[in-house]
Amino acid sequence: AGTGYDIYALELRWFDRWLKSERTGIDHTRTPLHLDELEANR
């Protein structure tokens, strides 16, 4: 799980927001569900 995706940068952005109070913007979304479209590679 997570291979092929920049999972560390995503994790850092999440923790920077909540543990360092940085304005990373990660929580500013109306679409919090992020899905890989099977076989479409997007």
PDB file of all heavy atoms in Angstrom:
ATOM      1  N   ALA A   1       0.827  -1.208   0.000  1.00  0.00           N
ATOM      2  CA  ALA A   1       0.000   0.000   0.000  1.00  0.00           C
ATOM      3  C   ALA A   1       0.862   1.259   0.000  1.00  0.00           C
ATOM      4  O   ALA A   1       1.751   1.417   0.824  1.00  0.00           O
ATOM      5  CB  ALA A   1      -0.925   0.004   1.212  1.00  0.00           C
ATOM      6  N   GLY A   2       0.592   2.128  -0.945  1.00  0.00           N
ATOM      7  CA  GLY A   2       1.307   3.387  -1.045  1.00  0.00           C
ATOM      8  C   GLY A   2       2.413   3.408  -2.070  1.00  0.00           C
ATOM      9  O   GLY A   2       2.918   4.477  -2.411  1.00  0.00           O
ATOM     10  N   THR A   3       2.821   2.232  -2.572  1.00  0.00           N
ATOM     11  CA  THR A   3       3.911   2.221  -3.546  1.00  0.00           C
ATOM     12  C   THR A   3       3.464   2.885  -4.849  1.00  0.00           C
ATOM     13  O   THR A   3       2.317   2.777  -5.271  1.00  0.00           O
ATOM     14  CB  THR A   3       4.372   0.782  -3.835  1.00  0.00           C
ATOM     15  OG1 THR A   3       3.245  -0.012  -4.232  1.00  0.00           O
ATOM     16  CG2 THR A   3       5.005   0.149  -2.612  1.00  0.00           C
ATOM     17  N   GLY A   4       4.406   3.586  -5.467  1.00  0.00           N
ATOM     18  CA  GLY A   4       4.094   4.317  -6.689  1.00  0.00           C
ATOM     19  C   GLY A   4       3.457   5.670  -6.432  1.00  0.00           C
ATOM     20  O   GLY A   4       3.160   6.401  -7.376  1.00  0.00           O
ATOM     21  N   TYR A   5       3.251   6.004  -5.174  1.00  0.00           N
ATOM     22  CA  TYR A   5       2.658   7.287  -4.785  1.00  0.00           C
ATOM     23  C   TYR A   5       3.621   7.939  -3.800  1.00  0.00           C
ATOM     24  O   TYR A   5       4.258   7.248  -3.007  1.00  0.00           O
ATOM     25  CB  TYR A   5       1.302   7.049  -4.118  1.00  0.00           C
ATOM     26  CG  TYR A   5       0.396   8.253  -4.057  1.00  0.00           C
ATOM     27  CD1 TYR A   5      -0.597   8.444  -5.007  1.00  0.00           C
ATOM     28  CD2 TYR A   5       0.528   9.203  -3.050  1.00  0.00           C
ATOM     29  CE1 TYR A   5      -1.431   9.545  -4.955  1.00  0.00           C
ATOM     30  CE2 TYR A   5      -0.302  10.306  -2.988  1.00  0.00           C
ATOM     31  CZ  TYR A   5      -1.282  10.471  -3.949  1.00  0.00           C
ATOM     32  OH  TYR A   5      -2.108  11.573  -3.899  1.00  0.00           O
ATOM     33  N   ASP A   6       3.724   9.253  -3.819  1.00  0.00           N
ATOM     34  CA  ASP A   6       4.656   9.930  -2.916  1.00  0.00           C
ATOM     35  C   ASP A   6       4.031   9.977  -1.521  1.00  0.00           C
ATOM     36  O   ASP A   6       3.612  11.021  -1.024  1.00  0.00           O
ATOM     37  CB  ASP A   6       4.959  11.332  -3.432  1.00  0.00           C
ATOM     38  CG  ASP A   6       6.201  11.925  -2.768  1.00  0.00           C
ATOM     39  OD1 ASP A   6       6.695  11.313  -1.801  1.00  0.00           O
ATOM     40  OD2 ASP A   6       6.658  12.987  -3.216  1.00  0.00           O
ATOM     41  N   ILE A   7       3.998   8.804  -0.890  1.00  0.00           N
ATOM     42  CA  ILE A   7       3.257   8.661   0.357  1.00  0.00           C
ATOM     43  C   ILE A   7       3.929   9.421   1.495  1.00  0.00           C
ATOM     44  O   ILE A   7       3.266   9.945   2.395  1.00  0.00           O
ATOM     45  CB  ILE A   7       3.089   7.164   0.696  1.00  0.00           C
ATOM     46  CG1 ILE A   7       1.909   6.960   1.652  1.00  0.00           C
ATOM     47  CG2 ILE A   7       4.355   6.560   1.255  1.00  0.00           C
ATOM     48  CD1 ILE A   7       0.578   7.073   0.993  1.00  0.00           C
ATOM     49  N   TYR A   8       5.254   9.508   1.486  1.00  0.00           N
ATOM     50  CA  TYR A   8       5.944  10.227   2.559  1.00  0.00           C
ATOM     51  C   TYR A   8       5.621  11.714   2.529  1.00  0.00           C
ATOM     52  O   TYR A   8       5.397  12.335   3.566  1.00  0.00           O
ATOM     53  CB  TYR A   8       7.448  10.028   2.441  1.00  0.00           C
ATOM     54  CG  TYR A   8       7.912   8.647   2.810  1.00  0.00           C
ATOM     55  CD1 TYR A   8       8.618   7.865   1.899  1.00  0.00           C
ATOM     56  CD2 TYR A   8       7.634   8.106   4.062  1.00  0.00           C
ATOM     57  CE1 TYR A   8       9.041   6.597   2.234  1.00  0.00           C
ATOM     58  CE2 TYR A   8       8.054   6.841   4.402  1.00  0.00           C
ATOM     59  CZ  TYR A   8       8.760   6.085   3.486  1.00  0.00           C
ATOM     60  OH  TYR A   8       9.168   4.825   3.819  1.00  0.00           O
ATOM     61  N   ALA A   9       5.607  12.296   1.343  1.00  0.00           N
ATOM     62  CA  ALA A   9       5.280  13.721   1.237  1.00  0.00           C
ATOM     63  C   ALA A   9       3.847  13.973   1.689  1.00  0.00           C
ATOM     64  O   ALA A   9       3.562  14.992   2.332  1.00  0.00           O
ATOM     65  CB  ALA A   9       5.489  14.206  -0.195  1.00  0.00           C
ATOM     66  N   LEU A  10       2.954  13.046   1.364  1.00  0.00           N
ATOM     67  CA  LEU A  10       1.567  13.178   1.794  1.00  0.00           C
ATOM     68  C   LEU A  10       1.473  13.114   3.323  1.00  0.00           C
ATOM     69  O   LEU A  10       0.792  13.927   3.956  1.00  0.00           O
ATOM     70  CB  LEU A  10       0.727  12.067   1.171  1.00  0.00           C
ATOM     71  CG  LEU A  10      -0.755  12.045   1.534  1.00  0.00           C
ATOM     72  CD1 LEU A  10      -1.464  13.271   0.981  1.00  0.00           C
ATOM     73  CD2 LEU A  10      -1.413  10.766   1.003  1.00  0.00           C
ATOM     74  N   GLU A  11       2.174  12.160   3.904  1.00  0.00           N
ATOM     75  CA  GLU A  11       2.186  12.024   5.356  1.00  0.00           C
ATOM     76  C   GLU A  11       2.776  13.272   6.014  1.00  0.00           C
ATOM     77  O   GLU A  11       2.244  13.772   7.014  1.00  0.00           O
ATOM     78  CB  GLU A  11       2.994  10.782   5.733  1.00  0.00           C
ATOM     79  CG  GLU A  11       2.987  10.466   7.216  1.00  0.00           C
ATOM     80  CD  GLU A  11       3.780   9.206   7.511  1.00  0.00           C
ATOM     81  OE1 GLU A  11       4.906   9.080   7.003  1.00  0.00           O
ATOM     82  OE2 GLU A  11       3.273   8.354   8.261  1.00  0.00           O
ATOM     83  N   LEU A  12       3.868  13.786   5.461  1.00  0.00           N
ATOM     84  CA  LEU A  12       4.493  14.993   5.992  1.00  0.00           C
ATOM     85  C   LEU A  12       3.537  16.174   5.927  1.00  0.00           C
ATOM     86  O   LEU A  12       3.421  16.957   6.884  1.00  0.00           O
ATOM     87  CB  LEU A  12       5.770  15.307   5.205  1.00  0.00           C
ATOM     88  CG  LEU A  12       6.505  16.582   5.598  1.00  0.00           C
ATOM     89  CD1 LEU A  12       7.081  16.468   7.006  1.00  0.00           C
ATOM     90  CD2 LEU A  12       7.613  16.903   4.593  1.00  0.00           C
ATOM     91  N   ARG A  13       2.844  16.307   4.805  1.00  0.00           N
ATOM     92  CA  ARG A  13       1.908  17.429   4.649  1.00  0.00           C
ATOM     93  C   ARG A  13       0.793  17.353   5.692  1.00  0.00           C
ATOM     94  O   ARG A  13       0.370  18.373   6.246  1.00  0.00           O
ATOM     95  CB  ARG A  13       1.330  17.412   3.241  1.00  0.00           C
ATOM     96  CG  ARG A  13       0.481  18.631   2.898  1.00  0.00           C
ATOM     97  CD  ARG A  13       0.028  18.600   1.452  1.00  0.00           C
ATOM     98  NE  ARG A  13      -0.693  19.807   1.099  1.00  0.00           N
ATOM     99  CZ  ARG A  13      -1.237  20.030  -0.091  1.00  0.00           C
ATOM    100  NH1 ARG A  13      -1.135  19.115  -1.040  1.00  0.00           N
ATOM    101  NH2 ARG A  13      -1.878  21.155  -0.337  1.00  0.00           N
ATOM    102  N   TRP A  14       0.317  16.135   5.978  1.00  0.00           N
ATOM    103  CA  TRP A  14      -0.740  15.946   6.974  1.00  0.00           C
ATOM    104  C   TRP A  14      -0.234  16.285   8.374  1.00  0.00           C
ATOM    105  O   TRP A  14      -0.873  17.028   9.123  1.00  0.00           O
ATOM    106  CB  TRP A  14      -1.228  14.511   6.905  1.00  0.00           C
ATOM    107  CG  TRP A  14      -2.393  14.186   7.797  1.00  0.00           C
ATOM    108  CD1 TRP A  14      -2.394  13.409   8.912  1.00  0.00           C
ATOM    109  CD2 TRP A  14      -3.755  14.610   7.619  1.00  0.00           C
ATOM    110  NE1 TRP A  14      -3.652  13.322   9.445  1.00  0.00           N
ATOM    111  CE2 TRP A  14      -4.510  14.050   8.679  1.00  0.00           C
ATOM    112  CE3 TRP A  14      -4.404  15.418   6.685  1.00  0.00           C
ATOM    113  CZ2 TRP A  14      -5.877  14.263   8.821  1.00  0.00           C
ATOM    114  CZ3 TRP A  14      -5.781  15.637   6.826  1.00  0.00           C
ATOM    115  CH2 TRP A  14      -6.493  15.057   7.877  1.00  0.00           C
ATOM    116  N   PHE A  15       0.931  15.762   8.724  1.00  0.00           N
ATOM    117  CA  PHE A  15       1.465  16.023  10.054  1.00  0.00           C
ATOM    118  C   PHE A  15       1.927  17.469  10.215  1.00  0.00           C
ATOM    119  O   PHE A  15       1.798  18.052  11.304  1.00  0.00           O
ATOM    120  CB  PHE A  15       2.603  15.054  10.377  1.00  0.00           C
ATOM    121  CG  PHE A  15       2.138  13.660  10.699  1.00  0.00           C
ATOM    122  CD1 PHE A  15       2.859  12.561  10.265  1.00  0.00           C
ATOM    123  CD2 PHE A  15       0.990  13.450  11.433  1.00  0.00           C
ATOM    124  CE1 PHE A  15       2.441  11.272  10.572  1.00  0.00           C
ATOM    125  CE2 PHE A  15       0.547  12.170  11.749  1.00  0.00           C
ATOM    126  CZ  PHE A  15       1.284  11.080  11.315  1.00  0.00           C
ATOM    127  N   ASP A  16       2.470  18.075   9.159  1.00  0.00           N
ATOM    128  CA  ASP A  16       2.833  19.486   9.247  1.00  0.00           C
ATOM    129  C   ASP A  16       1.605  20.337   9.580  1.00  0.00           C
ATOM    130  O   ASP A  16       1.699  21.312  10.336  1.00  0.00           O
ATOM    131  CB  ASP A  16       3.441  19.973   7.932  1.00  0.00           C
ATOM    132  CG  ASP A  16       4.938  19.676   7.818  1.00  0.00           C
ATOM    133  OD1 ASP A  16       5.513  19.125   8.779  1.00  0.00           O
ATOM    134  OD2 ASP A  16       5.533  20.003   6.772  1.00  0.00           O
ATOM    135  N   ARG A  17       0.475  19.967   9.012  1.00  0.00           N
ATOM    136  CA  ARG A  17      -0.764  20.730   9.278  1.00  0.00           C
ATOM    137  C   ARG A  17      -1.183  20.628  10.746  1.00  0.00           C
ATOM    138  O   ARG A  17      -1.505  21.635  11.389  1.00  0.00           O
ATOM    139  CB  ARG A  17      -1.894  20.221   8.368  1.00  0.00           C
ATOM    140  CG  ARG A  17      -3.302  20.635   8.780  1.00  0.00           C
ATOM    141  CD  ARG A  17      -3.492  22.147   8.719  1.00  0.00           C
ATOM    142  NE  ARG A  17      -4.823  22.524   9.155  1.00  0.00           N
ATOM    143  CZ  ARG A  17      -5.154  22.825  10.412  1.00  0.00           C
ATOM    144  NH1 ARG A  17      -4.228  22.778  11.370  1.00  0.00           N
ATOM    145  NH2 ARG A  17      -6.391  23.179  10.730  1.00  0.00           N
ATOM    146  N   TRP A  18      -1.191  19.412  11.300  1.00  0.00           N
ATOM    147  CA  TRP A  18      -1.786  19.211  12.622  1.00  0.00           C
ATOM    148  C   TRP A  18      -0.763  19.254  13.763  1.00  0.00           C
ATOM    149  O   TRP A  18      -1.134  19.543  14.902  1.00  0.00           O
ATOM    150  CB  TRP A  18      -2.543  17.885  12.655  1.00  0.00           C
ATOM    151  CG  TRP A  18      -3.626  17.822  11.633  1.00  0.00           C
ATOM    152  CD1 TRP A  18      -3.646  17.065  10.502  1.00  0.00           C
ATOM    153  CD2 TRP A  18      -4.847  18.569  11.629  1.00  0.00           C
ATOM    154  NE1 TRP A  18      -4.799  17.283   9.779  1.00  0.00           N
ATOM    155  CE2 TRP A  18      -5.558  18.208  10.453  1.00  0.00           C
ATOM    156  CE3 TRP A  18      -5.415  19.502  12.493  1.00  0.00           C
ATOM    157  CZ2 TRP A  18      -6.801  18.742  10.138  1.00  0.00           C
ATOM    158  CZ3 TRP A  18      -6.654  20.044  12.183  1.00  0.00           C
ATOM    159  CH2 TRP A  18      -7.335  19.660  11.023  1.00  0.00           C
ATOM    160  N   LEU A  19       0.501  18.949  13.472  1.00  0.00           N
ATOM    161  CA  LEU A  19       1.501  18.914  14.539  1.00  0.00           C
ATOM    162  C   LEU A  19       2.392  20.150  14.556  1.00  0.00           C
ATOM    163  O   LEU A  19       3.045  20.439  15.565  1.00  0.00           O
ATOM    164  CB  LEU A  19       2.374  17.662  14.421  1.00  0.00           C
ATOM    165  CG  LEU A  19       1.648  16.311  14.376  1.00  0.00           C
ATOM    166  CD1 LEU A  19       2.638  15.167  14.417  1.00  0.00           C
ATOM    167  CD2 LEU A  19       0.645  16.181  15.497  1.00  0.00           C
ATOM    168  N   LYS A  20       2.446  20.872  13.422  1.00  0.00           N
ATOM    169  CA  LYS A  20       3.247  22.089  13.362  1.00  0.00           C
ATOM    170  C   LYS A  20       2.418  23.334  13.069  1.00  0.00           C
ATOM    171  O   LYS A  20       2.966  24.438  12.972  1.00  0.00           O
ATOM    172  CB  LYS A  20       4.335  21.950  12.286  1.00  0.00           C
ATOM    173  CG  LYS A  20       5.411  20.925  12.604  1.00  0.00           C
ATOM    174  CD  LYS A  20       6.506  20.942  11.537  1.00  0.00           C
ATOM    175  CE  LYS A  20       7.638  19.983  11.867  1.00  0.00           C
ATOM    176  NZ  LYS A  20       8.718  20.017  10.845  1.00  0.00           N
ATOM    177  N   SER A  21       1.103  23.147  12.863  1.00  0.00           N
ATOM    178  CA  SER A  21       0.184  24.259  12.568  1.00  0.00           C
ATOM    179  C   SER A  21       0.576  25.023  11.313  1.00  0.00           C
ATOM    180  O   SER A  21       0.330  26.231  11.200  1.00  0.00           O
ATOM    181  CB  SER A  21       0.095  25.230  13.765  1.00  0.00           C
ATOM    182  OG  SER A  21      -0.414  24.567  14.904  1.00  0.00           O
ATOM    183  N   GLU A  22       1.179  24.331  10.345  1.00  0.00           N
ATOM    184  CA  GLU A  22       1.519  24.965   9.078  1.00  0.00           C
ATOM    185  C   GLU A  22       0.301  24.964   8.157  1.00  0.00           C
ATOM    186  O   GLU A  22      -0.503  24.031   8.165  1.00  0.00           O
ATOM    187  CB  GLU A  22       2.689  24.236   8.410  1.00  0.00           C
ATOM    188  CG  GLU A  22       3.995  24.359   9.162  1.00  0.00           C
ATOM    189  CD  GLU A  22       5.149  23.693   8.433  1.00  0.00           C
ATOM    190  OE1 GLU A  22       4.948  23.247   7.281  1.00  0.00           O
ATOM    191  OE2 GLU A  22       6.246  23.611   9.010  1.00  0.00           O
ATOM    192  N   ARG A  23       0.176  25.971   7.350  1.00  0.00           N
ATOM    193  CA  ARG A  23      -0.960  26.086   6.431  1.00  0.00           C
ATOM    194  C   ARG A  23      -0.631  25.320   5.146  1.00  0.00           C
ATOM    195  O   ARG A  23      -0.334  25.910   4.111  1.00  0.00           O
ATOM    196  CB  ARG A  23      -1.268  27.557   6.163  1.00  0.00           C
ATOM    197  CG  ARG A  23      -1.638  28.330   7.422  1.00  0.00           C
ATOM    198  CD  ARG A  23      -1.923  29.784   7.114  1.00  0.00           C
ATOM    199  NE  ARG A  23      -3.076  29.936   6.224  1.00  0.00           N
ATOM    200  CZ  ARG A  23      -3.508  31.097   5.752  1.00  0.00           C
ATOM    201  NH1 ARG A  23      -2.865  32.224   6.093  1.00  0.00           N
ATOM    202  NH2 ARG A  23      -4.558  31.160   4.960  1.00  0.00           N
ATOM    203  N   THR A  24      -0.703  24.006   5.224  1.00  0.00           N
ATOM    204  CA  THR A  24      -0.369  23.181   4.060  1.00  0.00           C
ATOM    205  C   THR A  24      -1.530  23.062   3.088  1.00  0.00           C
ATOM    206  O   THR A  24      -1.343  22.641   1.948  1.00  0.00           O
ATOM    207  CB  THR A  24       0.041  21.769   4.501  1.00  0.00           C
ATOM    208  OG1 THR A  24      -1.097  21.083   5.029  1.00  0.00           O
ATOM    209  CG2 THR A  24       1.139  21.811   5.544  1.00  0.00           C
ATOM    210  N   GLY A  25      -2.750  23.375   3.528  1.00  0.00           N
ATOM    211  CA  GLY A  25      -3.914  23.304   2.659  1.00  0.00           C
ATOM    212  C   GLY A  25      -4.495  21.921   2.491  1.00  0.00           C
ATOM    213  O   GLY A  25      -5.507  21.763   1.807  1.00  0.00           O
ATOM    214  N   ILE A  26      -3.916  20.907   3.114  1.00  0.00           N
ATOM    215  CA  ILE A  26      -4.366  19.542   2.858  1.00  0.00           C
ATOM    216  C   ILE A  26      -5.787  19.298   3.348  1.00  0.00           C
ATOM    217  O   ILE A  26      -6.517  18.477   2.790  1.00  0.00           O
ATOM    218  CB  ILE A  26      -3.387  18.526   3.488  1.00  0.00           C
ATOM    219  CG1 ILE A  26      -3.693  17.111   2.977  1.00  0.00           C
ATOM    220  CG2 ILE A  26      -3.402  18.603   5.009  1.00  0.00           C
ATOM    221  CD1 ILE A  26      -2.640  16.097   3.325  1.00  0.00           C
ATOM    222  N   ASP A  27      -6.197  20.010   4.379  1.00  0.00           N
ATOM    223  CA  ASP A  27      -7.544  19.806   4.914  1.00  0.00           C
ATOM    224  C   ASP A  27      -8.582  20.692   4.239  1.00  0.00           C
ATOM    225  O   ASP A  27      -9.772  20.569   4.519  1.00  0.00           O
ATOM    226  CB  ASP A  27      -7.553  20.044   6.426  1.00  0.00           C
ATOM    227  CG  ASP A  27      -7.045  21.441   6.793  1.00  0.00           C
ATOM    228  OD1 ASP A  27      -6.052  21.885   6.182  1.00  0.00           O
ATOM    229  OD2 ASP A  27      -7.630  22.072   7.700  1.00  0.00           O
ATOM    230  N   HIS A  28      -8.152  21.561   3.333  1.00  0.00           N
ATOM    231  CA  HIS A  28      -9.077  22.453   2.631  1.00  0.00           C
ATOM    232  C   HIS A  28      -9.545  21.792   1.345  1.00  0.00           C
ATOM    233  O   HIS A  28      -9.043  22.085   0.250  1.00  0.00           O
ATOM    234  CB  HIS A  28      -8.415  23.803   2.338  1.00  0.00           C
ATOM    235  CG  HIS A  28      -8.056  24.570   3.559  1.00  0.00           C
ATOM    236  ND1 HIS A  28      -7.190  25.639   3.550  1.00  0.00           N
ATOM    237  CD2 HIS A  28      -8.440  24.428   4.854  1.00  0.00           C
ATOM    238  CE1 HIS A  28      -7.065  26.121   4.773  1.00  0.00           C
ATOM    239  NE2 HIS A  28      -7.809  25.393   5.579  1.00  0.00           N
ATOM    240  N   THR A  29     -10.456  20.888   1.464  1.00  0.00           N
ATOM    241  CA  THR A  29     -10.951  20.168   0.289  1.00  0.00           C
ATOM    242  C   THR A  29     -12.415  19.830   0.464  1.00  0.00           C
ATOM    243  O   THR A  29     -12.875  19.554   1.583  1.00  0.00           O
ATOM    244  CB  THR A  29     -10.146  18.868   0.056  1.00  0.00           C
ATOM    245  OG1 THR A  29     -10.715  18.155  -1.047  1.00  0.00           O
ATOM    246  CG2 THR A  29     -10.153  17.977   1.294  1.00  0.00           C
ATOM    247  N   ARG A  30     -13.154  19.877  -0.628  1.00  0.00           N
ATOM    248  CA  ARG A  30     -14.546  19.441  -0.636  1.00  0.00           C
ATOM    249  C   ARG A  30     -14.678  17.994  -1.099  1.00  0.00           C
ATOM    250  O   ARG A  30     -15.783  17.460  -1.141  1.00  0.00           O
ATOM    251  CB  ARG A  30     -15.374  20.359  -1.551  1.00  0.00           C
ATOM    252  CG  ARG A  30     -15.429  21.810  -1.069  1.00  0.00           C
ATOM    253  CD  ARG A  30     -16.253  22.659  -2.031  1.00  0.00           C
ATOM    254  NE  ARG A  30     -16.307  24.063  -1.581  1.00  0.00           N
ATOM    255  CZ  ARG A  30     -16.918  25.033  -2.253  1.00  0.00           C
ATOM    256  NH1 ARG A  30     -17.548  24.750  -3.409  1.00  0.00           N
ATOM    257  NH2 ARG A  30     -16.932  26.260  -1.784  1.00  0.00           N
ATOM    258  N   THR A  31     -13.550  17.412  -1.475  1.00  0.00           N
ATOM    259  CA  THR A  31     -13.562  16.021  -1.957  1.00  0.00           C
ATOM    260  C   THR A  31     -12.498  15.233  -1.213  1.00  0.00           C
ATOM    261  O   THR A  31     -11.402  15.005  -1.724  1.00  0.00           O
ATOM    262  CB  THR A  31     -13.302  15.975  -3.480  1.00  0.00           C
ATOM    263  OG1 THR A  31     -12.091  16.699  -3.769  1.00  0.00           O
ATOM    264  CG2 THR A  31     -14.457  16.570  -4.251  1.00  0.00           C
ATOM    265  N   PRO A  32     -12.800  14.787   0.014  1.00  0.00           N
ATOM    266  CA  PRO A  32     -11.787  14.120   0.829  1.00  0.00           C
ATOM    267  C   PRO A  32     -11.573  12.649   0.485  1.00  0.00           C
ATOM    268  O   PRO A  32     -10.752  11.991   1.131  1.00  0.00           O
ATOM    269  CB  PRO A  32     -12.355  14.249   2.259  1.00  0.00           C
ATOM    270  CG  PRO A  32     -13.557  15.134   2.166  1.00  0.00           C
ATOM    271  CD  PRO A  32     -14.030  15.035   0.766  1.00  0.00           C
ATOM    272  N   LEU A  33     -12.283  12.142  -0.508  1.00  0.00           N
ATOM    273  CA  LEU A  33     -12.164  10.737  -0.903  1.00  0.00           C
ATOM    274  C   LEU A  33     -11.410  10.673  -2.220  1.00  0.00           C
ATOM    275  O   LEU A  33     -11.869  11.186  -3.244  1.00  0.00           O
ATOM    276  CB  LEU A  33     -13.558  10.115  -1.049  1.00  0.00           C
ATOM    277  CG  LEU A  33     -13.647   8.662  -1.505  1.00  0.00           C
ATOM    278  CD1 LEU A  33     -12.890   7.740  -0.562  1.00  0.00           C
ATOM    279  CD2 LEU A  33     -15.110   8.242  -1.609  1.00  0.00           C
ATOM    280  N   HIS A  34     -10.238  10.035  -2.216  1.00  0.00           N
ATOM    281  CA  HIS A  34      -9.347  10.028  -3.369  1.00  0.00           C
ATOM    282  C   HIS A  34      -9.198   8.583  -3.854  1.00  0.00           C
ATOM    283  O   HIS A  34      -8.651   7.730  -3.156  1.00  0.00           O
ATOM    284  CB  HIS A  34      -7.987  10.611  -2.985  1.00  0.00           C
ATOM    285  CG  HIS A  34      -8.096  11.841  -2.129  1.00  0.00           C
ATOM    286  ND1 HIS A  34      -8.524  13.054  -2.613  1.00  0.00           N
ATOM    287  CD2 HIS A  34      -7.857  12.022  -0.794  1.00  0.00           C
ATOM    288  CE1 HIS A  34      -8.535  13.944  -1.628  1.00  0.00           C
ATOM    289  NE2 HIS A  34      -8.136  13.341  -0.519  1.00  0.00           N
ATOM    290  N   LEU A  35      -9.700   8.320  -5.062  1.00  0.00           N
ATOM    291  CA  LEU A  35      -9.803   6.955  -5.573  1.00  0.00           C
ATOM    292  C   LEU A  35      -8.972   6.756  -6.827  1.00  0.00           C
ATOM    293  O   LEU A  35      -8.967   7.605  -7.724  1.00  0.00           O
ATOM    294  CB  LEU A  35     -11.263   6.624  -5.903  1.00  0.00           C
ATOM    295  CG  LEU A  35     -12.288   6.802  -4.788  1.00  0.00           C
ATOM    296  CD1 LEU A  35     -13.693   6.659  -5.354  1.00  0.00           C
ATOM    297  CD2 LEU A  35     -12.048   5.805  -3.675  1.00  0.00           C
ATOM    298  N   ASP A  36      -8.280   5.623  -6.886  1.00  0.00           N
ATOM    299  CA  ASP A  36      -7.656   5.213  -8.135  1.00  0.00           C
ATOM    300  C   ASP A  36      -8.732   4.594  -9.003  1.00  0.00           C
ATOM    301  O   ASP A  36      -9.443   3.676  -8.580  1.00  0.00           O
ATOM    302  CB  ASP A  36      -6.558   4.176  -7.852  1.00  0.00           C
ATOM    303  CG  ASP A  36      -6.064   3.519  -9.121  1.00  0.00           C
ATOM    304  OD1 ASP A  36      -5.385   4.188  -9.910  1.00  0.00           O
ATOM    305  OD2 ASP A  36      -6.384   2.330  -9.336  1.00  0.00           O
ATOM    306  N   GLU A  37      -8.878   5.105 -10.223  1.00  0.00           N
ATOM    307  CA  GLU A  37      -9.846   4.513 -11.157  1.00  0.00           C
ATOM    308  C   GLU A  37      -9.204   3.280 -11.778  1.00  0.00           C
ATOM    309  O   GLU A  37      -8.218   3.388 -12.518  1.00  0.00           O
ATOM    310  CB  GLU A  37     -10.242   5.518 -12.242  1.00  0.00           C
ATOM    311  CG  GLU A  37     -11.358   4.980 -13.113  1.00  0.00           C
ATOM    312  CD  GLU A  37     -11.754   5.963 -14.209  1.00  0.00           C
ATOM    313  OE1 GLU A  37     -11.302   7.121 -14.164  1.00  0.00           O
ATOM    314  OE2 GLU A  37     -12.501   5.555 -15.106  1.00  0.00           O
ATOM    315  N   LEU A  38      -9.762   2.141 -11.448  1.00  0.00           N
ATOM    316  CA  LEU A  38      -9.156   0.874 -11.845  1.00  0.00           C
ATOM    317  C   LEU A  38      -8.937   0.802 -13.346  1.00  0.00           C
ATOM    318  O   LEU A  38      -9.836   1.110 -14.138  1.00  0.00           O
ATOM    319  CB  LEU A  38     -10.041  -0.286 -11.380  1.00  0.00           C
ATOM    320  CG  LEU A  38     -10.174  -0.426  -9.861  1.00  0.00           C
ATOM    321  CD1 LEU A  38     -11.188  -1.497  -9.521  1.00  0.00           C
ATOM    322  CD2 LEU A  38      -8.831  -0.746  -9.244  1.00  0.00           C
ATOM    323  N   GLU A  39      -7.737   0.383 -13.714  1.00  0.00           N
ATOM    324  CA  GLU A  39      -7.328   0.163 -15.105  1.00  0.00           C
ATOM    325  C   GLU A  39      -7.201   1.446 -15.925  1.00  0.00           C
ATOM    326  O   GLU A  39      -6.744   1.400 -17.059  1.00  0.00           O
ATOM    327  CB  GLU A  39      -8.287  -0.804 -15.831  1.00  0.00           C
ATOM    328  CG  GLU A  39      -8.511  -2.124 -15.106  1.00  0.00           C
ATOM    329  CD  GLU A  39      -7.219  -2.897 -14.879  1.00  0.00           C
ATOM    330  OE1 GLU A  39      -6.272  -2.733 -15.664  1.00  0.00           O
ATOM    331  OE2 GLU A  39      -7.170  -3.649 -13.897  1.00  0.00           O
ATOM    332  N   ALA A  40      -7.603   2.585 -15.383  1.00  0.00           N
ATOM    333  CA  ALA A  40      -7.523   3.832 -16.150  1.00  0.00           C
ATOM    334  C   ALA A  40      -6.251   4.610 -15.851  1.00  0.00           C
ATOM    335  O   ALA A  40      -5.950   5.595 -16.522  1.00  0.00           O
ATOM    336  CB  ALA A  40      -8.734   4.707 -15.872  1.00  0.00           C
ATOM    337  N   ASN A  41      -5.530   4.200 -14.801  1.00  0.00           N
ATOM    338  CA  ASN A  41      -4.250   4.821 -14.460  1.00  0.00           C
ATOM    339  C   ASN A  41      -4.393   6.308 -14.169  1.00  0.00           C
ATOM    340  O   ASN A  41      -3.614   7.130 -14.614  1.00  0.00           O
ATOM    341  CB  ASN A  41      -3.218   4.598 -15.573  1.00  0.00           C
ATOM    342  CG  ASN A  41      -1.802   4.881 -15.089  1.00  0.00           C
ATOM    343  OD1 ASN A  41      -1.500   4.696 -13.923  1.00  0.00           O
ATOM    344  ND2 ASN A  41      -0.946   5.333 -15.990  1.00  0.00           N
ATOM    345  N   ARG A  42      -5.431   6.659 -13.414  1.00  0.00           N
ATOM    346  CA  ARG A  42      -5.585   8.046 -12.991  1.00  0.00           C
ATOM    347  C   ARG A  42      -6.330   8.079 -11.659  1.00  0.00           C
ATOM    348  O   ARG A  42      -7.042   7.153 -11.287  1.00  0.00           O
ATOM    349  CB  ARG A  42      -6.328   8.876 -14.029  1.00  0.00           C
ATOM    350  CG  ARG A  42      -7.799   8.535 -14.175  1.00  0.00           C
ATOM    351  CD  ARG A  42      -8.499   9.577 -15.021  1.00  0.00           C
ATOM    352  NE  ARG A  42      -9.935   9.321 -15.118  1.00  0.00           N
ATOM    353  CZ  ARG A  42     -10.802  10.154 -15.654  1.00  0.00           C
ATOM    354  NH1 ARG A  42     -10.373  11.297 -16.168  1.00  0.00           N
ATOM    355  NH2 ARG A  42     -12.081   9.866 -15.706  1.00  0.00           N
TER     356      ARG A  42
END
